[in-house]
Amino acid sequence: MVTLSTSEIRAAVRGALAEDLGAGDATTSATVPVTAQARAVMVAREPLVVAGMDFAAEAFRQRSRQAVIERMAKDGESVRCGQVLLRATGPAPALLTAERVALNFIQRLSGIATLTADYVAAVAGTHARILDTRKTTPGWRRFEKYAVACGGGQNHRLGLFDLILIKDNHLVALRGARPNPIAAAVQRARAAYPRLRVEVEADTLEQVAQAAEARADIILLDNMPPAHLRRAVKLVAGRCLTEASGGVNLRTVAAIARAGVDCISVGALTHSARAVDIALDFEPL
């Protein structure tokens, strides 16, 4: 699971506030006295799984160290519609300036956590695990993978450096290698990076057999219907882990899981999750 440090959360929030503020909050500066005090209340407007509370709290703190933050929920928690997530009390100009940045982080990350939880629930009763992918927002990968974990999913490789994934384009470049491109690629990968796990993408059952014979750690079963997945799992016979990928959505994921695969990777967790509906309203003191 990706864990986020205080320093990287602070840096991300600092950058987001700078982007939003520019030369200053013209509306707030023109209309709200600097001495005004307020309480901001963040409320879930739909059932959701929370992720990103540290980002939201940090946004208010960076605008005012006088702000008092009360957390009413924690990351990974399922909350009902109408539940209060956070209260921030302090200088009204600071709360107004931080409002959108705080919401952007928590709405986006909670959206990913909520969608992930839906996929995890859909495969309940099977032994399949839901994995994320590298299809993430540039610069937000660690945050989005953290949100996946909050929703009950598991993190696949973080980047190109921590797992070897031999895909179809790699195999095309090795066409003609002996005894076959998959065996040659696995052998070269083991020699170059002996401490990394090796995964091989397979489009056909023949490639599945070759990857299993080459002792890959994981075989990625790409865009195979459930009937083919079952045959692939039987062919592998426990020699390595199996991962289904491609054509996965909430309508198909249960049938894919029942085919017996160990993992199901879902790009939609990060590239297609919608921001959940969370409100932030001011209360008079």
C-alpha atoms as a PDB file:
ATOM      1  CA  MET A   1       0.000   0.000   0.000  1.00  0.00           C
ATOM      2  CA  VAL A   2       1.222   3.494  -0.834  1.00  0.00           C
ATOM      3  CA  THR A   3       1.659   5.566   2.320  1.00  0.00           C
ATOM      4  CA  LEU A   4       1.847   9.335   2.074  1.00  0.00           C
ATOM      5  CA  SER A   5       4.296  11.434   4.070  1.00  0.00           C
ATOM      6  CA  THR A   6       3.378  14.687   5.752  1.00  0.00           C
ATOM      7  CA  SER A   7       5.943  16.512   3.629  1.00  0.00           C
ATOM      8  CA  GLU A   8       4.499  15.375   0.294  1.00  0.00           C
ATOM      9  CA  ILE A   9       0.957  16.256   1.382  1.00  0.00           C
ATOM     10  CA  ARG A  10       2.128  19.703   2.466  1.00  0.00           C
ATOM     11  CA  ALA A  11       3.968  20.252  -0.809  1.00  0.00           C
ATOM     12  CA  ALA A  12       0.977  19.187  -2.908  1.00  0.00           C
ATOM     13  CA  VAL A  13      -1.379  21.472  -0.995  1.00  0.00           C
ATOM     14  CA  ARG A  14       1.077  24.350  -1.145  1.00  0.00           C
ATOM     15  CA  GLY A  15       1.282  24.021  -4.916  1.00  0.00           C
ATOM     16  CA  ALA A  16      -2.481  23.780  -5.307  1.00  0.00           C
ATOM     17  CA  LEU A  17      -3.056  26.892  -3.176  1.00  0.00           C
ATOM     18  CA  ALA A  18      -0.432  28.839  -5.126  1.00  0.00           C
ATOM     19  CA  GLU A  19      -2.092  27.830  -8.385  1.00  0.00           C
ATOM     20  CA  ASP A  20      -5.498  29.002  -7.150  1.00  0.00           C
ATOM     21  CA  LEU A  21      -4.424  32.154  -5.338  1.00  0.00           C
ATOM     22  CA  GLY A  22      -2.084  33.745  -7.835  1.00  0.00           C
ATOM     23  CA  ALA A  23      -1.779  37.381  -6.749  1.00  0.00           C
ATOM     24  CA  GLY A  24      -4.537  36.934  -4.162  1.00  0.00           C
ATOM     25  CA  ASP A  25      -8.212  36.141  -3.587  1.00  0.00           C
ATOM     26  CA  ALA A  26      -9.781  39.253  -5.095  1.00  0.00           C
ATOM     27  CA  THR A  27     -13.366  38.438  -4.111  1.00  0.00           C
ATOM     28  CA  THR A  28     -12.608  37.692  -0.467  1.00  0.00           C
ATOM     29  CA  SER A  29     -10.225  40.639  -0.109  1.00  0.00           C
ATOM     30  CA  ALA A  30     -12.869  43.012  -1.484  1.00  0.00           C
ATOM     31  CA  THR A  31     -15.839  41.772   0.529  1.00  0.00           C
ATOM     32  CA  VAL A  32     -14.858  40.031   3.783  1.00  0.00           C
ATOM     33  CA  PRO A  33     -13.261  41.876   6.740  1.00  0.00           C
ATOM     34  CA  VAL A  34      -9.945  40.379   7.827  1.00  0.00           C
ATOM     35  CA  THR A  35     -11.313  40.164  11.389  1.00  0.00           C
ATOM     36  CA  ALA A  36     -14.352  38.063  10.443  1.00  0.00           C
ATOM     37  CA  GLN A  37     -14.558  34.591  11.977  1.00  0.00           C
ATOM     38  CA  ALA A  38     -16.471  31.613  10.594  1.00  0.00           C
ATOM     39  CA  ARG A  39     -16.986  27.877  10.799  1.00  0.00           C
ATOM     40  CA  ALA A  40     -16.801  25.762   7.622  1.00  0.00           C
ATOM     41  CA  VAL A  41     -18.590  22.419   7.658  1.00  0.00           C
ATOM     42  CA  MET A  42     -17.758  19.716   5.115  1.00  0.00           C
ATOM     43  CA  VAL A  43     -20.648  17.305   4.500  1.00  0.00           C
ATOM     44  CA  ALA A  44     -21.067  14.207   2.327  1.00  0.00           C
ATOM     45  CA  ARG A  45     -23.975  14.667  -0.062  1.00  0.00           C
ATOM     46  CA  GLU A  46     -23.998  10.993  -1.047  1.00  0.00           C
ATOM     47  CA  PRO A  47     -22.786   7.705   0.448  1.00  0.00           C
ATOM     48  CA  LEU A  48     -19.039   7.455  -0.125  1.00  0.00           C
ATOM     49  CA  VAL A  49     -15.707   6.093   1.079  1.00  0.00           C
ATOM     50  CA  VAL A  50     -13.470   8.820   2.461  1.00  0.00           C
ATOM     51  CA  ALA A  51      -9.946   9.520   1.202  1.00  0.00           C
ATOM     52  CA  GLY A  52      -7.914  12.714   1.410  1.00  0.00           C
ATOM     53  CA  MET A  53      -8.763  14.070   4.859  1.00  0.00           C
ATOM     54  CA  ASP A  54      -5.136  15.082   5.484  1.00  0.00           C
ATOM     55  CA  PHE A  55      -5.126  17.174   2.302  1.00  0.00           C
ATOM     56  CA  ALA A  56      -8.331  18.992   3.255  1.00  0.00           C
ATOM     57  CA  ALA A  57      -7.135  19.755   6.775  1.00  0.00           C
ATOM     58  CA  GLU A  58      -3.745  20.906   5.483  1.00  0.00           C
ATOM     59  CA  ALA A  59      -5.363  23.372   3.070  1.00  0.00           C
ATOM     60  CA  PHE A  60      -7.075  25.199   5.945  1.00  0.00           C
ATOM     61  CA  ARG A  61      -3.978  25.066   8.171  1.00  0.00           C
ATOM     62  CA  GLN A  62      -1.729  26.539   5.493  1.00  0.00           C
ATOM     63  CA  ARG A  63      -4.016  29.535   5.117  1.00  0.00           C
ATOM     64  CA  SER A  64      -4.254  30.096   8.867  1.00  0.00           C
ATOM     65  CA  ARG A  65      -2.443  28.487  11.783  1.00  0.00           C
ATOM     66  CA  GLN A  66      -5.293  29.811  13.924  1.00  0.00           C
ATOM     67  CA  ALA A  67      -7.776  27.472  12.227  1.00  0.00           C
ATOM     68  CA  VAL A  68      -9.146  24.756  14.499  1.00  0.00           C
ATOM     69  CA  ILE A  69      -9.810  21.528  12.605  1.00  0.00           C
ATOM     70  CA  GLU A  70     -12.240  18.866  13.853  1.00  0.00           C
ATOM     71  CA  ARG A  71     -12.254  15.610  11.903  1.00  0.00           C
ATOM     72  CA  MET A  72     -15.501  13.664  12.007  1.00  0.00           C
ATOM     73  CA  ALA A  73     -14.413  10.860   9.646  1.00  0.00           C
ATOM     74  CA  LYS A  74     -11.215   9.106   8.657  1.00  0.00           C
ATOM     75  CA  ASP A  75      -9.750   7.800   5.424  1.00  0.00           C
ATOM     76  CA  GLY A  76     -11.104   4.392   4.445  1.00  0.00           C
ATOM     77  CA  GLU A  77     -14.376   4.940   6.317  1.00  0.00           C
ATOM     78  CA  SER A  78     -17.728   4.467   4.603  1.00  0.00           C
ATOM     79  CA  VAL A  79     -20.044   7.372   5.408  1.00  0.00           C
ATOM     80  CA  ARG A  80     -23.724   8.021   4.757  1.00  0.00           C
ATOM     81  CA  CYS A  81     -25.302  10.932   2.940  1.00  0.00           C
ATOM     82  CA  GLY A  82     -25.485  13.934   5.253  1.00  0.00           C
ATOM     83  CA  GLN A  83     -22.595  12.896   7.491  1.00  0.00           C
ATOM     84  CA  VAL A  84     -20.255  15.662   8.586  1.00  0.00           C
ATOM     85  CA  LEU A  85     -16.663  14.938   7.587  1.00  0.00           C
ATOM     86  CA  LEU A  86     -14.817  17.963   8.936  1.00  0.00           C
ATOM     87  CA  ARG A  87     -15.310  21.301  10.682  1.00  0.00           C
ATOM     88  CA  ALA A  88     -12.842  24.167  10.382  1.00  0.00           C
ATOM     89  CA  THR A  89     -13.190  27.244  12.603  1.00  0.00           C
ATOM     90  CA  GLY A  90     -11.073  30.340  12.217  1.00  0.00           C
ATOM     91  CA  PRO A  91     -10.566  33.532  10.179  1.00  0.00           C
ATOM     92  CA  ALA A  92     -13.220  33.659   7.483  1.00  0.00           C
ATOM     93  CA  PRO A  93     -10.867  34.939   4.714  1.00  0.00           C
ATOM     94  CA  ALA A  94      -8.525  31.988   5.243  1.00  0.00           C
ATOM     95  CA  LEU A  95     -11.349  29.435   5.183  1.00  0.00           C
ATOM     96  CA  LEU A  96     -12.816  30.966   2.023  1.00  0.00           C
ATOM     97  CA  THR A  97      -9.461  30.927   0.244  1.00  0.00           C
ATOM     98  CA  ALA A  98      -8.776  27.272   1.149  1.00  0.00           C
ATOM     99  CA  GLU A  99     -12.286  25.982   0.398  1.00  0.00           C
ATOM    100  CA  ARG A 100     -11.897  24.901  -3.233  1.00  0.00           C
ATOM    101  CA  VAL A 101      -8.470  23.331  -2.825  1.00  0.00           C
ATOM    102  CA  ALA A 102      -9.666  21.315   0.173  1.00  0.00           C
ATOM    103  CA  LEU A 103     -12.710  20.107  -1.758  1.00  0.00           C
ATOM    104  CA  ASN A 104     -10.767  19.310  -4.932  1.00  0.00           C
ATOM    105  CA  PHE A 105      -8.473  16.927  -3.070  1.00  0.00           C
ATOM    106  CA  ILE A 106     -11.093  15.165  -0.999  1.00  0.00           C
ATOM    107  CA  GLN A 107     -13.744  14.919  -3.732  1.00  0.00           C
ATOM    108  CA  ARG A 108     -11.317  13.438  -6.249  1.00  0.00           C
ATOM    109  CA  LEU A 109      -9.622  11.007  -3.866  1.00  0.00           C
ATOM    110  CA  SER A 110     -12.868   9.940  -2.215  1.00  0.00           C
ATOM    111  CA  GLY A 111     -14.299   9.326  -5.682  1.00  0.00           C
ATOM    112  CA  ILE A 112     -11.489   6.863  -6.387  1.00  0.00           C
ATOM    113  CA  ALA A 113     -11.901   5.178  -2.997  1.00  0.00           C
ATOM    114  CA  THR A 114     -15.656   4.890  -3.492  1.00  0.00           C
ATOM    115  CA  LEU A 115     -15.384   3.377  -6.959  1.00  0.00           C
ATOM    116  CA  THR A 116     -12.725   0.954  -5.747  1.00  0.00           C
ATOM    117  CA  ALA A 117     -14.992  -0.165  -2.910  1.00  0.00           C
ATOM    118  CA  ASP A 118     -17.725  -0.902  -5.465  1.00  0.00           C
ATOM    119  CA  TYR A 119     -15.361  -3.193  -7.386  1.00  0.00           C
ATOM    120  CA  VAL A 120     -14.178  -4.905  -4.203  1.00  0.00           C
ATOM    121  CA  ALA A 121     -17.793  -5.548  -3.201  1.00  0.00           C
ATOM    122  CA  ALA A 122     -18.575  -6.931  -6.663  1.00  0.00           C
ATOM    123  CA  VAL A 123     -15.942  -9.692  -6.312  1.00  0.00           C
ATOM    124  CA  ALA A 124     -16.757 -10.580  -2.703  1.00  0.00           C
ATOM    125  CA  GLY A 125     -16.912 -14.333  -2.217  1.00  0.00           C
ATOM    126  CA  THR A 126     -14.099 -14.985  -4.704  1.00  0.00           C
ATOM    127  CA  HIS A 127     -10.371 -14.893  -3.971  1.00  0.00           C
ATOM    128  CA  ALA A 128      -9.701 -12.256  -6.641  1.00  0.00           C
ATOM    129  CA  ARG A 129      -8.020  -9.030  -5.582  1.00  0.00           C
ATOM    130  CA  ILE A 130      -8.710  -5.677  -7.238  1.00  0.00           C
ATOM    131  CA  LEU A 131      -5.569  -3.884  -8.459  1.00  0.00           C
ATOM    132  CA  ASP A 132      -4.964  -0.408  -9.797  1.00  0.00           C
ATOM    133  CA  THR A 133      -2.812   0.495 -12.826  1.00  0.00           C
ATOM    134  CA  ARG A 134      -0.468   3.257 -14.001  1.00  0.00           C
ATOM    135  CA  LYS A 135      -3.367   5.041 -15.730  1.00  0.00           C
ATOM    136  CA  THR A 136      -3.223   7.916 -13.291  1.00  0.00           C
ATOM    137  CA  THR A 137      -3.297  11.713 -13.351  1.00  0.00           C
ATOM    138  CA  PRO A 138       0.273  12.962 -13.961  1.00  0.00           C
ATOM    139  CA  GLY A 139       1.763  14.099 -10.667  1.00  0.00           C
ATOM    140  CA  TRP A 140      -1.045  12.517  -8.624  1.00  0.00           C
ATOM    141  CA  ARG A 141      -0.101   8.833  -8.931  1.00  0.00           C
ATOM    142  CA  ARG A 142       0.854   8.272  -5.306  1.00  0.00           C
ATOM    143  CA  PHE A 143      -2.241  10.126  -4.102  1.00  0.00           C
ATOM    144  CA  GLU A 144      -4.562   8.166  -6.383  1.00  0.00           C
ATOM    145  CA  LYS A 145      -3.003   4.824  -5.517  1.00  0.00           C
ATOM    146  CA  TYR A 146      -3.369   5.729  -1.839  1.00  0.00           C
ATOM    147  CA  ALA A 147      -7.075   6.359  -2.483  1.00  0.00           C
ATOM    148  CA  VAL A 148      -7.389   2.928  -4.137  1.00  0.00           C
ATOM    149  CA  ALA A 149      -6.020   1.368  -0.955  1.00  0.00           C
ATOM    150  CA  CYS A 150      -8.524   3.384   1.118  1.00  0.00           C
ATOM    151  CA  GLY A 151     -11.270   1.743  -0.940  1.00  0.00           C
ATOM    152  CA  GLY A 152     -10.000  -1.764  -0.263  1.00  0.00           C
ATOM    153  CA  GLY A 153      -8.039  -2.277  -3.487  1.00  0.00           C
ATOM    154  CA  GLN A 154      -4.376  -3.165  -3.786  1.00  0.00           C
ATOM    155  CA  ASN A 155      -1.594  -1.269  -5.483  1.00  0.00           C
ATOM    156  CA  HIS A 156       0.035  -2.752  -8.571  1.00  0.00           C
ATOM    157  CA  ARG A 157       3.462  -1.456  -9.570  1.00  0.00           C
ATOM    158  CA  LEU A 158       4.061   2.175  -8.730  1.00  0.00           C
ATOM    159  CA  GLY A 159       6.060   2.812 -11.882  1.00  0.00           C
ATOM    160  CA  LEU A 160       8.383   1.317 -14.450  1.00  0.00           C
ATOM    161  CA  PHE A 161      11.052   0.709 -11.807  1.00  0.00           C
ATOM    162  CA  ASP A 162       9.498  -1.680  -9.266  1.00  0.00           C
ATOM    163  CA  LEU A 163       8.181  -4.584 -11.351  1.00  0.00           C
ATOM    164  CA  ILE A 164       9.097  -5.975 -14.763  1.00  0.00           C
ATOM    165  CA  LEU A 165       6.060  -6.186 -17.036  1.00  0.00           C
ATOM    166  CA  ILE A 166       6.840  -7.724 -20.411  1.00  0.00           C
ATOM    167  CA  LYS A 167       4.080  -6.585 -22.759  1.00  0.00           C
ATOM    168  CA  ASP A 168       3.171  -7.309 -26.352  1.00  0.00           C
ATOM    169  CA  ASN A 169       5.339  -4.513 -27.741  1.00  0.00           C
ATOM    170  CA  HIS A 170       8.381  -5.868 -25.912  1.00  0.00           C
ATOM    171  CA  LEU A 171       7.714  -9.283 -27.417  1.00  0.00           C
ATOM    172  CA  VAL A 172       7.412  -7.860 -30.924  1.00  0.00           C
ATOM    173  CA  ALA A 173      10.879  -6.364 -30.500  1.00  0.00           C
ATOM    174  CA  LEU A 174      12.139  -9.851 -29.545  1.00  0.00           C
ATOM    175  CA  ARG A 175      10.530 -11.669 -32.480  1.00  0.00           C
ATOM    176  CA  GLY A 176      12.724 -14.553 -33.521  1.00  0.00           C
ATOM    177  CA  ALA A 177      14.417 -14.942 -30.140  1.00  0.00           C
ATOM    178  CA  ARG A 178      15.023 -18.549 -28.998  1.00  0.00           C
ATOM    179  CA  PRO A 179      13.380 -20.675 -27.754  1.00  0.00           C
ATOM    180  CA  ASN A 180      10.564 -18.091 -27.957  1.00  0.00           C
ATOM    181  CA  PRO A 181      10.275 -14.352 -27.241  1.00  0.00           C
ATOM    182  CA  ILE A 182       8.625 -14.873 -23.839  1.00  0.00           C
ATOM    183  CA  ALA A 183      11.261 -17.280 -22.556  1.00  0.00           C
ATOM    184  CA  ALA A 184      14.032 -15.024 -23.827  1.00  0.00           C
ATOM    185  CA  ALA A 185      12.481 -11.929 -22.244  1.00  0.00           C
ATOM    186  CA  VAL A 186      11.989 -13.602 -18.856  1.00  0.00           C
ATOM    187  CA  GLN A 187      15.553 -14.913 -18.886  1.00  0.00           C
ATOM    188  CA  ARG A 188      16.981 -11.481 -19.701  1.00  0.00           C
ATOM    189  CA  ALA A 189      14.808  -9.819 -17.059  1.00  0.00           C
ATOM    190  CA  ARG A 190      15.932 -12.232 -14.357  1.00  0.00           C
ATOM    191  CA  ALA A 191      19.572 -11.690 -15.275  1.00  0.00           C
ATOM    192  CA  ALA A 192      19.314  -7.907 -15.295  1.00  0.00           C
ATOM    193  CA  TYR A 193      17.044  -7.403 -12.252  1.00  0.00           C
ATOM    194  CA  PRO A 194      17.147 -10.544 -10.085  1.00  0.00           C
ATOM    195  CA  ARG A 195      15.249  -8.906  -7.208  1.00  0.00           C
ATOM    196  CA  LEU A 196      12.252  -7.746  -9.231  1.00  0.00           C
ATOM    197  CA  ARG A 197       9.173  -9.833  -9.920  1.00  0.00           C
ATOM    198  CA  VAL A 198       8.551 -10.599 -13.570  1.00  0.00           C
ATOM    199  CA  GLU A 199       5.110 -10.367 -15.163  1.00  0.00           C
ATOM    200  CA  VAL A 200       4.292 -11.382 -18.739  1.00  0.00           C
ATOM    201  CA  GLU A 201       1.321 -10.220 -20.793  1.00  0.00           C
ATOM    202  CA  ALA A 202      -0.350 -13.072 -22.669  1.00  0.00           C
ATOM    203  CA  ASP A 203      -2.929 -12.642 -25.427  1.00  0.00           C
ATOM    204  CA  THR A 204      -3.274 -16.349 -26.250  1.00  0.00           C
ATOM    205  CA  LEU A 205      -3.267 -19.664 -24.410  1.00  0.00           C
ATOM    206  CA  GLU A 206      -0.039 -20.554 -26.195  1.00  0.00           C
ATOM    207  CA  GLN A 207       1.601 -17.496 -24.647  1.00  0.00           C
ATOM    208  CA  VAL A 208       0.133 -18.453 -21.257  1.00  0.00           C
ATOM    209  CA  ALA A 209       1.821 -21.857 -21.514  1.00  0.00           C
ATOM    210  CA  GLN A 210       5.120 -20.266 -22.545  1.00  0.00           C
ATOM    211  CA  ALA A 211       5.031 -17.777 -19.665  1.00  0.00           C
ATOM    212  CA  ALA A 212       4.262 -20.506 -17.146  1.00  0.00           C
ATOM    213  CA  GLU A 213       7.071 -22.674 -18.507  1.00  0.00           C
ATOM    214  CA  ALA A 214       9.440 -19.703 -18.299  1.00  0.00           C
ATOM    215  CA  ARG A 215       8.524 -19.361 -14.601  1.00  0.00           C
ATOM    216  CA  ALA A 216       7.131 -15.858 -14.736  1.00  0.00           C
ATOM    217  CA  ASP A 217       5.881 -14.653 -11.373  1.00  0.00           C
ATOM    218  CA  ILE A 218       2.624 -13.294 -12.802  1.00  0.00           C
ATOM    219  CA  ILE A 219       0.816 -13.787 -16.095  1.00  0.00           C
ATOM    220  CA  LEU A 220      -1.339 -10.914 -17.331  1.00  0.00           C
ATOM    221  CA  LEU A 221      -4.310 -12.406 -19.195  1.00  0.00           C
ATOM    222  CA  ASP A 222      -5.156  -9.638 -21.593  1.00  0.00           C
ATOM    223  CA  ASN A 223      -8.728  -9.117 -22.837  1.00  0.00           C
ATOM    224  CA  MET A 224      -9.745 -12.754 -22.388  1.00  0.00           C
ATOM    225  CA  PRO A 225     -13.426 -13.654 -21.903  1.00  0.00           C
ATOM    226  CA  PRO A 226     -14.293 -15.713 -18.792  1.00  0.00           C
ATOM    227  CA  ALA A 227     -14.221 -19.025 -20.683  1.00  0.00           C
ATOM    228  CA  HIS A 228     -10.657 -18.369 -21.850  1.00  0.00           C
ATOM    229  CA  LEU A 229      -9.676 -17.148 -18.394  1.00  0.00           C
ATOM    230  CA  ARG A 230     -10.839 -20.431 -16.865  1.00  0.00           C
ATOM    231  CA  ARG A 231      -8.760 -22.388 -19.373  1.00  0.00           C
ATOM    232  CA  ALA A 232      -5.741 -20.184 -18.703  1.00  0.00           C
ATOM    233  CA  VAL A 233      -6.043 -20.635 -14.931  1.00  0.00           C
ATOM    234  CA  LYS A 234      -6.246 -24.403 -15.399  1.00  0.00           C
ATOM    235  CA  LEU A 235      -3.237 -24.327 -17.713  1.00  0.00           C
ATOM    236  CA  VAL A 236      -1.151 -22.337 -15.221  1.00  0.00           C
ATOM    237  CA  ALA A 237      -2.099 -24.790 -12.448  1.00  0.00           C
ATOM    238  CA  GLY A 238      -0.801 -22.630  -9.639  1.00  0.00           C
ATOM    239  CA  ARG A 239       2.719 -22.205 -11.047  1.00  0.00           C
ATOM    240  CA  CYS A 240       2.352 -18.430 -10.940  1.00  0.00           C
ATOM    241  CA  LEU A 241      -0.223 -15.749 -10.197  1.00  0.00           C
ATOM    242  CA  THR A 242      -2.812 -14.827 -12.806  1.00  0.00           C
ATOM    243  CA  GLU A 243      -4.058 -11.314 -13.464  1.00  0.00           C
ATOM    244  CA  ALA A 244      -7.013 -10.465 -15.691  1.00  0.00           C
ATOM    245  CA  SER A 245      -6.989  -7.123 -17.481  1.00  0.00           C
ATOM    246  CA  GLY A 246      -9.001  -5.438 -20.223  1.00  0.00           C
ATOM    247  CA  GLY A 247     -12.744  -5.194 -20.630  1.00  0.00           C
ATOM    248  CA  VAL A 248     -13.229  -4.882 -16.883  1.00  0.00           C
ATOM    249  CA  ASN A 249     -16.167  -2.874 -15.563  1.00  0.00           C
ATOM    250  CA  LEU A 250     -18.731  -3.263 -12.792  1.00  0.00           C
ATOM    251  CA  ARG A 251     -20.953  -5.367 -15.062  1.00  0.00           C
ATOM    252  CA  THR A 252     -18.205  -7.843 -15.991  1.00  0.00           C
ATOM    253  CA  VAL A 253     -15.898  -7.973 -12.978  1.00  0.00           C
ATOM    254  CA  ALA A 254     -17.830 -10.620 -11.021  1.00  0.00           C
ATOM    255  CA  ALA A 255     -17.779 -13.103 -13.913  1.00  0.00           C
ATOM    256  CA  ILE A 256     -14.068 -12.439 -14.408  1.00  0.00           C
ATOM    257  CA  ALA A 257     -13.420 -13.116 -10.730  1.00  0.00           C
ATOM    258  CA  ARG A 258     -15.406 -16.357 -10.814  1.00  0.00           C
ATOM    259  CA  ALA A 259     -13.086 -17.604 -13.581  1.00  0.00           C
ATOM    260  CA  GLY A 260     -10.530 -18.188 -10.835  1.00  0.00           C
ATOM    261  CA  VAL A 261      -7.937 -15.474 -11.470  1.00  0.00           C
ATOM    262  CA  ASP A 262      -5.882 -14.178  -8.568  1.00  0.00           C
ATOM    263  CA  CYS A 263      -6.000 -10.496  -9.493  1.00  0.00           C
ATOM    264  CA  ILE A 264      -8.027  -8.139 -11.651  1.00  0.00           C
ATOM    265  CA  SER A 265      -6.456  -4.849 -12.704  1.00  0.00           C
ATOM    266  CA  VAL A 266      -8.866  -1.995 -13.354  1.00  0.00           C
ATOM    267  CA  GLY A 267      -7.675   1.180 -15.068  1.00  0.00           C
ATOM    268  CA  ALA A 268     -11.050   2.823 -14.468  1.00  0.00           C
ATOM    269  CA  LEU A 269     -10.326   3.119 -10.736  1.00  0.00           C
ATOM    270  CA  THR A 270      -8.096   6.087 -11.438  1.00  0.00           C
ATOM    271  CA  HIS A 271      -8.744   7.244 -14.996  1.00  0.00           C
ATOM    272  CA  SER A 272     -12.557   7.252 -14.850  1.00  0.00           C
ATOM    273  CA  ALA A 273     -13.581   7.777 -11.226  1.00  0.00           C
ATOM    274  CA  ARG A 274     -15.900  10.761 -10.818  1.00  0.00           C
ATOM    275  CA  ALA A 275     -15.501  13.288  -8.043  1.00  0.00           C
ATOM    276  CA  VAL A 276     -18.037  12.537  -5.315  1.00  0.00           C
ATOM    277  CA  ASP A 277     -20.453  15.168  -4.055  1.00  0.00           C
ATOM    278  CA  ILE A 278     -19.139  16.846  -0.917  1.00  0.00           C
ATOM    279  CA  ALA A 279     -20.365  20.254   0.234  1.00  0.00           C
ATOM    280  CA  LEU A 280     -18.619  22.887   2.322  1.00  0.00           C
ATOM    281  CA  ASP A 281     -20.915  25.450   3.875  1.00  0.00           C
ATOM    282  CA  PHE A 282     -20.312  28.222   6.361  1.00  0.00           C
ATOM    283  CA  GLU A 283     -22.141  28.424   9.693  1.00  0.00           C
ATOM    284  CA  PRO A 284     -22.473  31.594  11.770  1.00  0.00           C
ATOM    285  CA  LEU A 285     -20.560  31.600  15.059  1.00  0.00           C
END
